[in-house]
N, C-alpha and C. Protein backbone atom coordinates (compact mmCIF):
# COMPACT_ATOMS: atom_id res chain seq x y z
N MET A 1 60.58 -114.14 20.45
CA MET A 1 61.68 -115.04 19.83
C MET A 1 61.02 -116.03 18.83
N ASP A 2 61.16 -115.91 17.61
CA ASP A 2 60.51 -116.84 16.43
C ASP A 2 60.89 -118.16 16.73
N VAL A 3 60.07 -119.06 16.68
CA VAL A 3 60.27 -120.51 16.71
C VAL A 3 59.54 -121.22 15.65
N ILE A 4 60.05 -122.30 15.11
CA ILE A 4 59.26 -123.19 14.14
C ILE A 4 59.37 -124.42 14.90
N ALA A 5 58.33 -125.30 15.21
CA ALA A 5 58.38 -126.39 15.82
C ALA A 5 57.49 -127.40 15.11
N ILE A 6 58.03 -128.72 15.10
CA ILE A 6 57.43 -129.64 14.44
C ILE A 6 56.72 -130.87 15.35
N GLY A 7 55.56 -131.28 15.11
CA GLY A 7 54.88 -132.23 16.01
C GLY A 7 54.70 -133.41 15.34
N LEU A 8 55.00 -134.61 16.01
CA LEU A 8 54.78 -135.81 15.46
C LEU A 8 54.08 -136.75 16.30
N ASN A 9 53.21 -137.53 15.82
CA ASN A 9 52.18 -138.36 16.50
C ASN A 9 52.76 -139.75 16.97
N ASN A 10 53.84 -140.28 16.35
CA ASN A 10 54.31 -141.48 16.78
C ASN A 10 55.88 -141.55 16.72
N ASN A 11 56.24 -142.65 17.31
CA ASN A 11 57.82 -142.90 17.21
C ASN A 11 58.40 -143.14 16.11
N GLU A 12 57.62 -143.94 15.15
CA GLU A 12 57.98 -144.17 13.88
C GLU A 12 58.35 -142.86 12.87
N ASN A 13 57.43 -141.88 13.01
CA ASN A 13 57.63 -140.63 12.43
C ASN A 13 58.88 -139.91 12.85
N LYS A 14 59.13 -139.97 14.39
CA LYS A 14 60.24 -139.45 14.96
C LYS A 14 61.44 -140.05 14.34
N LYS A 15 61.45 -141.40 14.42
CA LYS A 15 62.64 -142.12 13.82
C LYS A 15 63.08 -141.90 12.48
N GLU A 16 62.03 -141.66 11.62
CA GLU A 16 62.09 -141.30 10.14
C GLU A 16 62.65 -139.99 10.00
N LEU A 17 62.11 -139.06 10.99
CA LEU A 17 62.71 -137.53 10.84
C LEU A 17 64.15 -137.42 11.31
N GLU A 18 64.42 -138.33 12.25
CA GLU A 18 65.78 -138.38 12.84
C GLU A 18 66.79 -139.00 11.63
N SER A 19 66.29 -139.87 10.93
CA SER A 19 67.09 -140.42 9.83
C SER A 19 67.19 -139.38 8.75
N ILE A 20 66.28 -138.56 8.44
CA ILE A 20 66.26 -137.60 7.42
C ILE A 20 67.32 -136.59 7.88
N LEU A 21 67.31 -136.24 9.12
CA LEU A 21 68.27 -135.03 9.58
C LEU A 21 69.56 -135.48 9.58
N LYS A 22 70.02 -136.73 9.55
CA LYS A 22 71.26 -137.17 9.24
C LYS A 22 71.88 -136.61 8.13
N ASP A 23 71.08 -136.38 7.05
CA ASP A 23 71.66 -135.89 5.73
C ASP A 23 71.61 -134.42 5.89
N PHE A 24 71.18 -133.83 6.76
CA PHE A 24 71.26 -132.25 6.84
C PHE A 24 72.09 -131.83 8.08
N ASP A 25 73.34 -131.25 7.51
CA ASP A 25 74.35 -130.81 8.46
C ASP A 25 74.13 -129.44 9.20
N LEU A 26 73.07 -128.66 8.58
CA LEU A 26 72.82 -127.36 9.20
C LEU A 26 71.62 -127.43 10.03
N ILE A 27 70.64 -128.26 9.89
CA ILE A 27 69.37 -128.08 10.73
C ILE A 27 69.29 -129.31 11.64
N ASN A 28 68.72 -128.96 12.90
CA ASN A 28 68.50 -129.90 13.99
C ASN A 28 67.03 -129.70 14.57
N VAL A 29 66.63 -130.70 15.16
CA VAL A 29 65.44 -130.64 15.87
C VAL A 29 65.59 -130.87 17.26
N GLU A 30 65.32 -129.80 18.24
CA GLU A 30 65.57 -129.90 19.68
C GLU A 30 64.14 -130.40 20.41
N TYR A 31 64.04 -131.62 20.91
CA TYR A 31 62.87 -132.15 21.48
C TYR A 31 62.96 -131.77 23.07
N ASN A 32 64.10 -131.39 23.59
CA ASN A 32 64.31 -131.25 25.10
C ASN A 32 64.19 -129.75 25.48
N TYR A 33 63.13 -129.12 25.16
CA TYR A 33 62.97 -127.73 25.40
C TYR A 33 62.23 -127.24 26.74
N LEU A 34 61.49 -128.35 27.39
CA LEU A 34 60.74 -128.18 28.69
C LEU A 34 61.61 -127.71 29.74
N PRO A 35 62.89 -128.03 30.00
CA PRO A 35 63.71 -127.48 31.19
C PRO A 35 64.07 -126.14 31.10
N PHE A 36 63.82 -125.62 29.77
CA PHE A 36 64.31 -124.17 29.51
C PHE A 36 63.23 -123.20 29.52
N ASN A 37 63.50 -121.89 29.82
CA ASN A 37 62.53 -120.84 29.87
C ASN A 37 62.30 -120.26 28.36
N ILE A 38 61.79 -121.09 27.49
CA ILE A 38 61.48 -120.30 26.28
C ILE A 38 60.08 -119.91 26.22
N VAL A 39 59.75 -118.78 25.46
CA VAL A 39 58.63 -118.14 25.62
C VAL A 39 57.38 -118.89 25.19
N SER A 40 57.54 -119.67 24.19
CA SER A 40 56.44 -120.52 23.58
C SER A 40 56.10 -121.89 24.13
N LYS A 41 56.92 -122.16 25.24
CA LYS A 41 56.80 -123.44 25.90
C LYS A 41 55.31 -123.86 26.23
N LYS A 42 54.65 -122.94 26.87
CA LYS A 42 53.09 -123.36 27.40
C LYS A 42 52.17 -123.49 26.12
N GLY A 43 52.56 -122.71 25.04
CA GLY A 43 51.50 -122.87 23.95
C GLY A 43 51.85 -124.18 23.15
N LEU A 44 53.34 -124.55 23.11
CA LEU A 44 53.72 -125.81 22.44
C LEU A 44 52.96 -126.93 23.17
N GLU A 45 53.07 -126.93 24.51
CA GLU A 45 52.33 -128.01 25.14
C GLU A 45 51.04 -128.16 25.04
N ILE A 46 50.29 -127.06 24.88
CA ILE A 46 48.73 -127.02 24.58
C ILE A 46 48.61 -127.69 23.11
N VAL A 47 49.45 -127.47 22.17
CA VAL A 47 49.24 -128.02 20.92
C VAL A 47 49.64 -129.60 20.88
N LYS A 48 50.64 -129.90 21.60
CA LYS A 48 50.78 -131.41 21.89
C LYS A 48 49.61 -132.04 22.38
N GLU A 49 48.98 -131.55 23.39
CA GLU A 49 47.92 -132.10 23.99
C GLU A 49 46.64 -132.11 23.06
N TYR A 50 46.34 -130.77 22.31
CA TYR A 50 45.17 -130.66 21.47
C TYR A 50 45.32 -131.62 20.38
N PHE A 51 46.43 -131.91 19.81
CA PHE A 51 46.54 -132.66 18.64
C PHE A 51 47.08 -134.17 18.81
N SER A 52 47.12 -134.55 20.23
CA SER A 52 47.68 -135.75 20.61
C SER A 52 48.90 -136.31 20.00
N LEU A 53 49.88 -135.36 20.12
CA LEU A 53 51.31 -135.60 19.66
C LEU A 53 52.08 -136.10 20.65
N ASN A 54 52.87 -137.02 20.26
CA ASN A 54 53.87 -137.65 21.12
C ASN A 54 55.22 -136.84 21.22
N PHE A 55 55.43 -136.05 20.34
CA PHE A 55 56.95 -135.35 20.24
C PHE A 55 56.50 -133.96 19.55
N ILE A 56 57.14 -133.14 20.20
CA ILE A 56 57.33 -131.62 19.57
C ILE A 56 58.70 -131.26 19.68
N GLY A 57 59.25 -130.72 18.69
CA GLY A 57 60.61 -130.39 18.85
C GLY A 57 60.93 -129.08 17.95
N ILE A 58 61.85 -128.22 18.43
CA ILE A 58 62.02 -127.00 17.72
C ILE A 58 63.06 -127.07 16.64
N ILE A 59 62.64 -126.58 15.49
CA ILE A 59 63.64 -126.79 14.36
C ILE A 59 64.62 -125.44 14.30
N HIS A 60 65.92 -125.67 14.28
CA HIS A 60 66.65 -124.57 14.25
C HIS A 60 68.05 -124.93 13.33
N PHE A 61 68.69 -124.10 13.25
CA PHE A 61 70.10 -124.22 12.51
C PHE A 61 71.00 -124.66 13.60
N LYS A 62 71.90 -125.61 13.34
CA LYS A 62 72.61 -126.28 14.44
C LYS A 62 73.73 -125.32 14.94
N ASN A 63 74.24 -124.36 14.19
CA ASN A 63 75.19 -123.42 14.63
C ASN A 63 74.77 -122.32 15.40
N ASP A 64 73.28 -122.13 15.57
CA ASP A 64 72.92 -121.03 16.41
C ASP A 64 73.18 -121.06 17.86
N VAL A 65 73.32 -119.75 18.43
CA VAL A 65 73.83 -119.87 19.80
C VAL A 65 72.67 -120.67 20.68
N SER A 66 71.31 -120.24 20.35
CA SER A 66 70.26 -120.94 21.00
C SER A 66 69.58 -122.05 20.16
N PRO A 67 69.31 -123.22 20.76
CA PRO A 67 68.54 -124.13 19.98
C PRO A 67 67.09 -124.06 20.06
N PHE A 68 66.68 -122.84 20.55
CA PHE A 68 65.32 -122.83 20.78
C PHE A 68 64.87 -121.21 19.97
N TYR A 69 65.64 -121.10 19.01
CA TYR A 69 65.35 -119.89 18.15
C TYR A 69 65.47 -120.25 16.80
N SER A 70 64.37 -119.97 15.84
CA SER A 70 64.35 -120.33 14.53
C SER A 70 64.35 -119.18 13.61
N GLY A 71 64.69 -117.89 14.14
CA GLY A 71 64.64 -116.81 13.36
C GLY A 71 65.61 -116.85 12.07
N PRO A 72 66.76 -117.35 12.29
CA PRO A 72 67.65 -117.48 10.92
C PRO A 72 67.13 -118.18 9.97
N ILE A 73 66.35 -119.34 10.24
CA ILE A 73 65.56 -120.01 9.25
C ILE A 73 64.59 -119.21 8.48
N LEU A 74 63.78 -118.45 9.30
CA LEU A 74 62.70 -117.76 8.71
C LEU A 74 63.47 -116.47 7.86
N ARG A 75 64.61 -115.98 8.38
CA ARG A 75 65.31 -114.82 7.68
C ARG A 75 65.79 -115.39 6.13
N GLU A 76 66.20 -116.59 6.30
CA GLU A 76 66.64 -117.29 4.99
C GLU A 76 65.59 -117.45 4.00
N ILE A 77 64.38 -117.67 4.55
CA ILE A 77 63.33 -117.94 3.49
C ILE A 77 62.85 -116.43 2.91
N THR A 78 62.78 -115.39 3.82
CA THR A 78 62.59 -114.10 3.54
C THR A 78 63.59 -113.58 2.53
N THR A 79 64.87 -113.76 2.72
CA THR A 79 65.93 -113.32 1.69
C THR A 79 65.62 -113.95 0.47
N TYR A 80 65.46 -115.27 0.45
CA TYR A 80 65.02 -116.05 -0.78
C TYR A 80 64.04 -115.41 -1.52
N TYR A 81 62.87 -114.92 -0.93
CA TYR A 81 61.74 -114.56 -1.54
C TYR A 81 62.05 -113.18 -2.10
N ILE A 82 62.76 -112.34 -1.23
CA ILE A 82 63.05 -111.00 -1.75
C ILE A 82 64.01 -110.92 -2.97
N SER A 83 65.03 -111.89 -2.83
CA SER A 83 65.98 -111.89 -4.00
C SER A 83 65.44 -112.37 -5.28
N LYS A 84 64.41 -113.41 -5.00
CA LYS A 84 63.66 -113.93 -6.41
C LYS A 84 62.84 -113.02 -6.99
N GLU A 85 61.97 -112.59 -6.06
CA GLU A 85 60.78 -111.89 -6.43
C GLU A 85 60.90 -110.39 -6.86
N TYR A 86 61.85 -109.69 -6.06
CA TYR A 86 62.01 -108.37 -6.24
C TYR A 86 63.40 -108.02 -7.15
N ASN A 87 64.46 -108.82 -6.74
CA ASN A 87 65.60 -108.53 -7.25
C ASN A 87 65.91 -109.34 -8.54
N LYS A 88 65.03 -110.57 -8.76
CA LYS A 88 65.20 -111.33 -10.03
C LYS A 88 66.55 -112.04 -9.97
N GLN A 89 66.93 -112.25 -8.91
CA GLN A 89 68.20 -113.22 -8.47
C GLN A 89 67.69 -114.57 -8.68
N ILE A 90 68.82 -115.49 -9.10
CA ILE A 90 68.69 -116.97 -8.84
C ILE A 90 69.45 -117.47 -7.73
N LEU A 91 68.92 -117.88 -6.65
CA LEU A 91 69.39 -118.48 -5.61
C LEU A 91 68.93 -119.93 -5.49
N SER A 92 69.70 -120.77 -4.63
CA SER A 92 69.42 -121.94 -4.28
C SER A 92 68.19 -121.94 -3.28
N GLU A 93 67.34 -122.96 -3.15
CA GLU A 93 66.13 -122.95 -2.23
C GLU A 93 66.80 -122.78 -0.77
N PRO A 94 65.95 -122.21 0.08
CA PRO A 94 66.29 -122.12 1.54
C PRO A 94 66.43 -123.69 2.12
N TYR A 95 67.47 -123.75 3.00
CA TYR A 95 67.91 -125.17 3.49
C TYR A 95 66.24 -125.84 4.06
N PHE A 96 65.62 -124.97 4.67
CA PHE A 96 64.23 -125.47 5.37
C PHE A 96 63.44 -126.08 4.23
N PHE A 97 63.28 -125.41 2.90
CA PHE A 97 62.55 -126.07 1.88
C PHE A 97 63.31 -127.44 1.34
N LYS A 98 64.42 -127.51 1.52
CA LYS A 98 65.03 -128.86 1.11
C LYS A 98 64.64 -129.77 2.11
N LEU A 99 64.56 -129.52 3.59
CA LEU A 99 63.97 -130.44 4.62
C LEU A 99 62.58 -130.64 4.20
N ILE A 100 61.92 -129.96 3.81
CA ILE A 100 60.38 -130.17 3.58
C ILE A 100 60.31 -131.14 2.48
N ASP A 101 61.37 -131.08 1.42
CA ASP A 101 61.18 -131.90 0.25
C ASP A 101 61.62 -133.50 0.71
N ALA A 102 62.71 -133.41 1.54
CA ALA A 102 62.83 -134.56 2.12
C ALA A 102 61.86 -135.34 2.87
N ILE A 103 61.03 -134.55 3.75
CA ILE A 103 60.00 -135.16 4.47
C ILE A 103 58.87 -135.67 3.51
N GLU A 104 58.68 -134.77 2.38
CA GLU A 104 57.74 -135.37 1.44
C GLU A 104 57.97 -136.73 0.88
N LYS A 105 59.38 -136.90 0.55
CA LYS A 105 59.77 -138.11 -0.04
C LYS A 105 59.85 -139.30 1.17
N SER A 106 59.58 -138.92 2.24
CA SER A 106 59.68 -140.01 3.29
C SER A 106 58.44 -140.73 3.70
N LYS A 107 58.45 -141.55 4.64
CA LYS A 107 57.32 -142.31 5.15
C LYS A 107 56.41 -141.47 6.08
N ILE A 108 56.76 -140.25 6.52
CA ILE A 108 55.98 -139.26 7.53
C ILE A 108 54.82 -138.92 6.66
N ASP A 109 53.59 -139.43 7.12
CA ASP A 109 52.38 -139.12 6.63
C ASP A 109 51.61 -137.94 6.94
N LYS A 110 51.92 -137.41 8.25
CA LYS A 110 51.08 -136.28 8.89
C LYS A 110 52.07 -135.69 9.94
N PHE A 111 52.19 -134.40 9.96
CA PHE A 111 52.93 -133.79 11.09
C PHE A 111 52.24 -132.29 11.22
N ILE A 112 52.63 -131.77 12.35
CA ILE A 112 52.15 -130.51 12.71
C ILE A 112 53.50 -129.52 12.42
N LEU A 113 53.20 -128.38 12.03
CA LEU A 113 54.14 -127.42 12.01
C LEU A 113 53.69 -126.24 12.71
N ILE A 114 54.40 -125.68 13.77
CA ILE A 114 54.04 -124.55 14.61
C ILE A 114 55.07 -123.24 14.31
N PHE A 115 54.43 -122.17 14.00
CA PHE A 115 55.14 -121.02 13.81
C PHE A 115 54.58 -120.02 14.97
N ALA A 116 55.61 -119.37 15.67
CA ALA A 116 55.17 -118.50 16.70
C ALA A 116 56.34 -117.75 17.12
N ASN A 117 55.79 -116.46 17.64
CA ASN A 117 56.89 -115.39 18.25
C ASN A 117 56.81 -115.71 19.65
N GLU A 118 55.58 -115.37 20.22
CA GLU A 118 55.37 -115.74 21.56
C GLU A 118 54.13 -116.66 21.68
N PHE A 119 54.00 -117.57 22.54
CA PHE A 119 52.80 -118.50 22.33
C PHE A 119 52.56 -118.95 23.84
N ASP A 120 51.31 -118.37 24.18
CA ASP A 120 50.96 -118.70 25.60
C ASP A 120 49.57 -119.54 25.44
N GLU A 121 49.27 -120.31 26.49
CA GLU A 121 48.11 -121.08 26.41
C GLU A 121 46.79 -120.58 26.16
N ASN A 122 46.67 -119.33 26.42
CA ASN A 122 45.45 -118.64 26.15
C ASN A 122 45.47 -117.84 24.82
N ASP A 123 46.42 -117.89 24.01
CA ASP A 123 46.60 -117.22 22.88
C ASP A 123 45.63 -117.81 21.67
N GLY A 124 45.06 -116.96 20.79
CA GLY A 124 44.23 -117.38 19.75
C GLY A 124 45.29 -117.69 18.60
N ILE A 125 45.07 -118.73 17.82
CA ILE A 125 45.96 -119.12 16.88
C ILE A 125 45.12 -119.09 15.42
N ARG A 126 46.07 -119.25 14.51
CA ARG A 126 45.51 -119.53 12.96
C ARG A 126 45.82 -120.97 12.90
N LEU A 127 44.72 -121.72 12.42
CA LEU A 127 44.83 -122.99 12.06
C LEU A 127 44.59 -123.36 10.62
N GLU A 128 45.56 -124.04 9.95
CA GLU A 128 45.30 -124.27 8.65
C GLU A 128 45.65 -125.68 8.33
N SER A 129 45.06 -126.26 7.26
CA SER A 129 45.43 -127.66 6.75
C SER A 129 46.19 -127.31 5.44
N VAL A 130 47.29 -128.12 5.16
CA VAL A 130 47.89 -127.99 3.91
C VAL A 130 48.49 -129.12 3.61
N ASP A 131 48.43 -129.76 2.22
CA ASP A 131 48.94 -130.89 1.59
C ASP A 131 50.42 -130.58 1.62
N ILE A 132 51.19 -131.74 1.80
CA ILE A 132 52.73 -131.35 1.96
C ILE A 132 53.28 -130.97 0.53
N LYS A 133 52.69 -131.21 -0.57
CA LYS A 133 52.86 -130.79 -1.95
C LYS A 133 52.86 -129.31 -1.93
N ASN A 134 52.02 -128.65 -1.17
CA ASN A 134 51.73 -127.32 -1.30
C ASN A 134 52.25 -126.37 0.06
N LEU A 135 53.05 -127.13 0.71
CA LEU A 135 53.52 -126.51 1.97
C LEU A 135 54.79 -125.39 1.69
N LYS A 136 55.51 -125.65 0.62
CA LYS A 136 56.59 -124.57 0.43
C LYS A 136 55.94 -123.40 -0.27
N ASN A 137 54.73 -123.63 -1.05
CA ASN A 137 54.11 -122.29 -1.61
C ASN A 137 53.41 -121.61 -0.83
N ARG A 138 52.86 -122.30 0.47
CA ARG A 138 52.30 -121.70 1.64
C ARG A 138 53.24 -120.81 2.39
N LEU A 139 54.52 -121.27 2.38
CA LEU A 139 55.48 -120.53 3.20
C LEU A 139 56.28 -119.40 2.36
N TYR A 140 56.14 -119.55 0.97
CA TYR A 140 56.94 -118.69 0.11
C TYR A 140 56.38 -117.29 0.09
N ASN A 141 56.74 -116.61 1.06
CA ASN A 141 56.23 -115.17 1.23
C ASN A 141 57.19 -114.35 1.89
N VAL A 142 57.27 -112.95 1.82
CA VAL A 142 58.10 -112.24 2.43
C VAL A 142 58.02 -112.41 3.85
N TYR A 143 57.03 -112.58 4.58
CA TYR A 143 56.98 -112.77 5.81
C TYR A 143 56.83 -114.13 6.39
N VAL A 144 56.93 -115.13 5.34
CA VAL A 144 56.70 -116.48 5.70
C VAL A 144 55.48 -116.77 6.09
N TRP A 145 55.45 -116.83 7.64
CA TRP A 145 54.27 -117.25 8.41
C TRP A 145 53.33 -116.15 8.83
N GLU A 146 53.81 -115.02 9.01
CA GLU A 146 53.07 -113.72 9.47
C GLU A 146 52.14 -113.23 8.63
N GLU A 147 51.09 -112.63 9.16
CA GLU A 147 49.91 -112.07 8.22
C GLU A 147 50.45 -110.75 7.90
N GLU A 148 50.06 -110.47 6.61
CA GLU A 148 50.39 -109.11 6.17
C GLU A 148 49.39 -108.32 6.04
N TYR A 149 49.41 -106.97 6.42
CA TYR A 149 48.40 -105.93 6.33
C TYR A 149 48.84 -104.83 5.56
N LEU A 150 48.13 -104.24 4.84
CA LEU A 150 48.24 -103.09 3.93
C LEU A 150 47.80 -101.80 4.53
N ILE A 151 48.56 -100.86 4.70
CA ILE A 151 48.32 -99.43 5.14
C ILE A 151 48.00 -98.59 3.89
N LEU A 152 46.87 -98.20 3.65
CA LEU A 152 46.31 -97.68 2.48
C LEU A 152 46.99 -96.23 2.22
N LYS A 153 47.12 -95.41 3.36
CA LYS A 153 47.58 -94.17 3.06
C LYS A 153 49.14 -94.01 2.63
N SER A 154 49.86 -95.08 3.02
CA SER A 154 51.19 -95.05 2.72
C SER A 154 51.48 -96.23 1.66
N ASN A 155 50.46 -97.04 1.24
CA ASN A 155 50.60 -98.27 0.46
C ASN A 155 51.92 -99.08 0.78
N THR A 156 52.03 -99.21 2.04
CA THR A 156 52.95 -100.22 2.61
C THR A 156 52.20 -101.40 3.10
N THR A 157 53.03 -102.37 3.47
CA THR A 157 52.51 -103.51 4.19
C THR A 157 53.39 -103.52 5.55
N ILE A 158 52.81 -104.22 6.46
CA ILE A 158 53.25 -104.51 7.90
C ILE A 158 53.05 -106.10 8.24
N PRO A 159 53.88 -106.47 8.83
CA PRO A 159 53.61 -108.00 9.43
C PRO A 159 52.96 -107.96 10.73
N GLU A 160 52.19 -108.98 10.78
CA GLU A 160 51.54 -109.20 12.11
C GLU A 160 51.95 -110.61 12.79
N ASN A 161 52.57 -110.76 13.84
CA ASN A 161 52.90 -112.26 14.30
C ASN A 161 52.29 -112.20 15.72
N TYR A 162 51.30 -111.83 15.99
CA TYR A 162 50.70 -111.95 17.39
C TYR A 162 50.07 -113.25 17.53
N HIS A 163 49.46 -113.81 16.42
CA HIS A 163 48.80 -115.05 16.49
C HIS A 163 49.62 -116.20 15.81
N PRO A 164 49.93 -117.38 16.71
CA PRO A 164 50.73 -118.24 15.96
C PRO A 164 49.88 -119.03 14.74
N LEU A 165 50.82 -119.45 14.06
CA LEU A 165 50.19 -120.31 12.82
C LEU A 165 50.66 -121.81 13.13
N ILE A 166 49.43 -122.58 13.06
CA ILE A 166 49.61 -123.97 13.03
C ILE A 166 49.08 -124.70 11.88
N LEU A 167 50.01 -125.44 11.11
CA LEU A 167 49.78 -126.00 9.95
C LEU A 167 49.52 -127.33 10.15
N GLU A 168 48.49 -127.94 9.83
CA GLU A 168 48.44 -129.55 9.72
C GLU A 168 48.77 -129.99 8.58
N VAL A 169 49.93 -130.63 8.27
CA VAL A 169 50.44 -131.06 6.98
C VAL A 169 50.05 -132.54 6.80
N ASN A 170 49.26 -132.73 5.70
CA ASN A 170 48.92 -134.25 5.43
C ASN A 170 49.43 -134.37 3.84
N ARG A 171 49.25 -135.73 3.64
CA ARG A 171 49.44 -136.15 2.22
C ARG A 171 47.92 -136.42 1.50
N ASP A 172 47.85 -136.44 0.24
CA ASP A 172 46.74 -136.72 -0.24
C ASP A 172 46.22 -138.04 0.00
């Protein structure tokens, strides 16, 4: 079950994000995930400890059945990429990208984004640092966060999502 989570290091950043989210009628951040049996819970807690974060919340569309599933957000980015790059259609940016723009304009100076399908405390992860100005470019891909591998014989690509991606997002 795909999740996108955001990690914040202080209460001021959480309040700033909550203020931003008031203008977003489709996206929510669910901080109260611990009582529920989500697949990535143990991994998220390790991230929280490792990066000394005060808060981790799962980003999801408000109208989703499960507040602990970010798959529709990822599909929206994938659809946007395919429509623009392959079909040469003009679409409005994904809603998640608009959230990134709002965070870029905010006072939030640093945060962590976690992308995972399943995430256990013993899993290897991919860790990258990215400036917030380049975050949308980093995620602008048919597979969004997943690694892409080429099968030479068929000249096709396949995604790999066994290793969660953690992005340390900073400002210059």
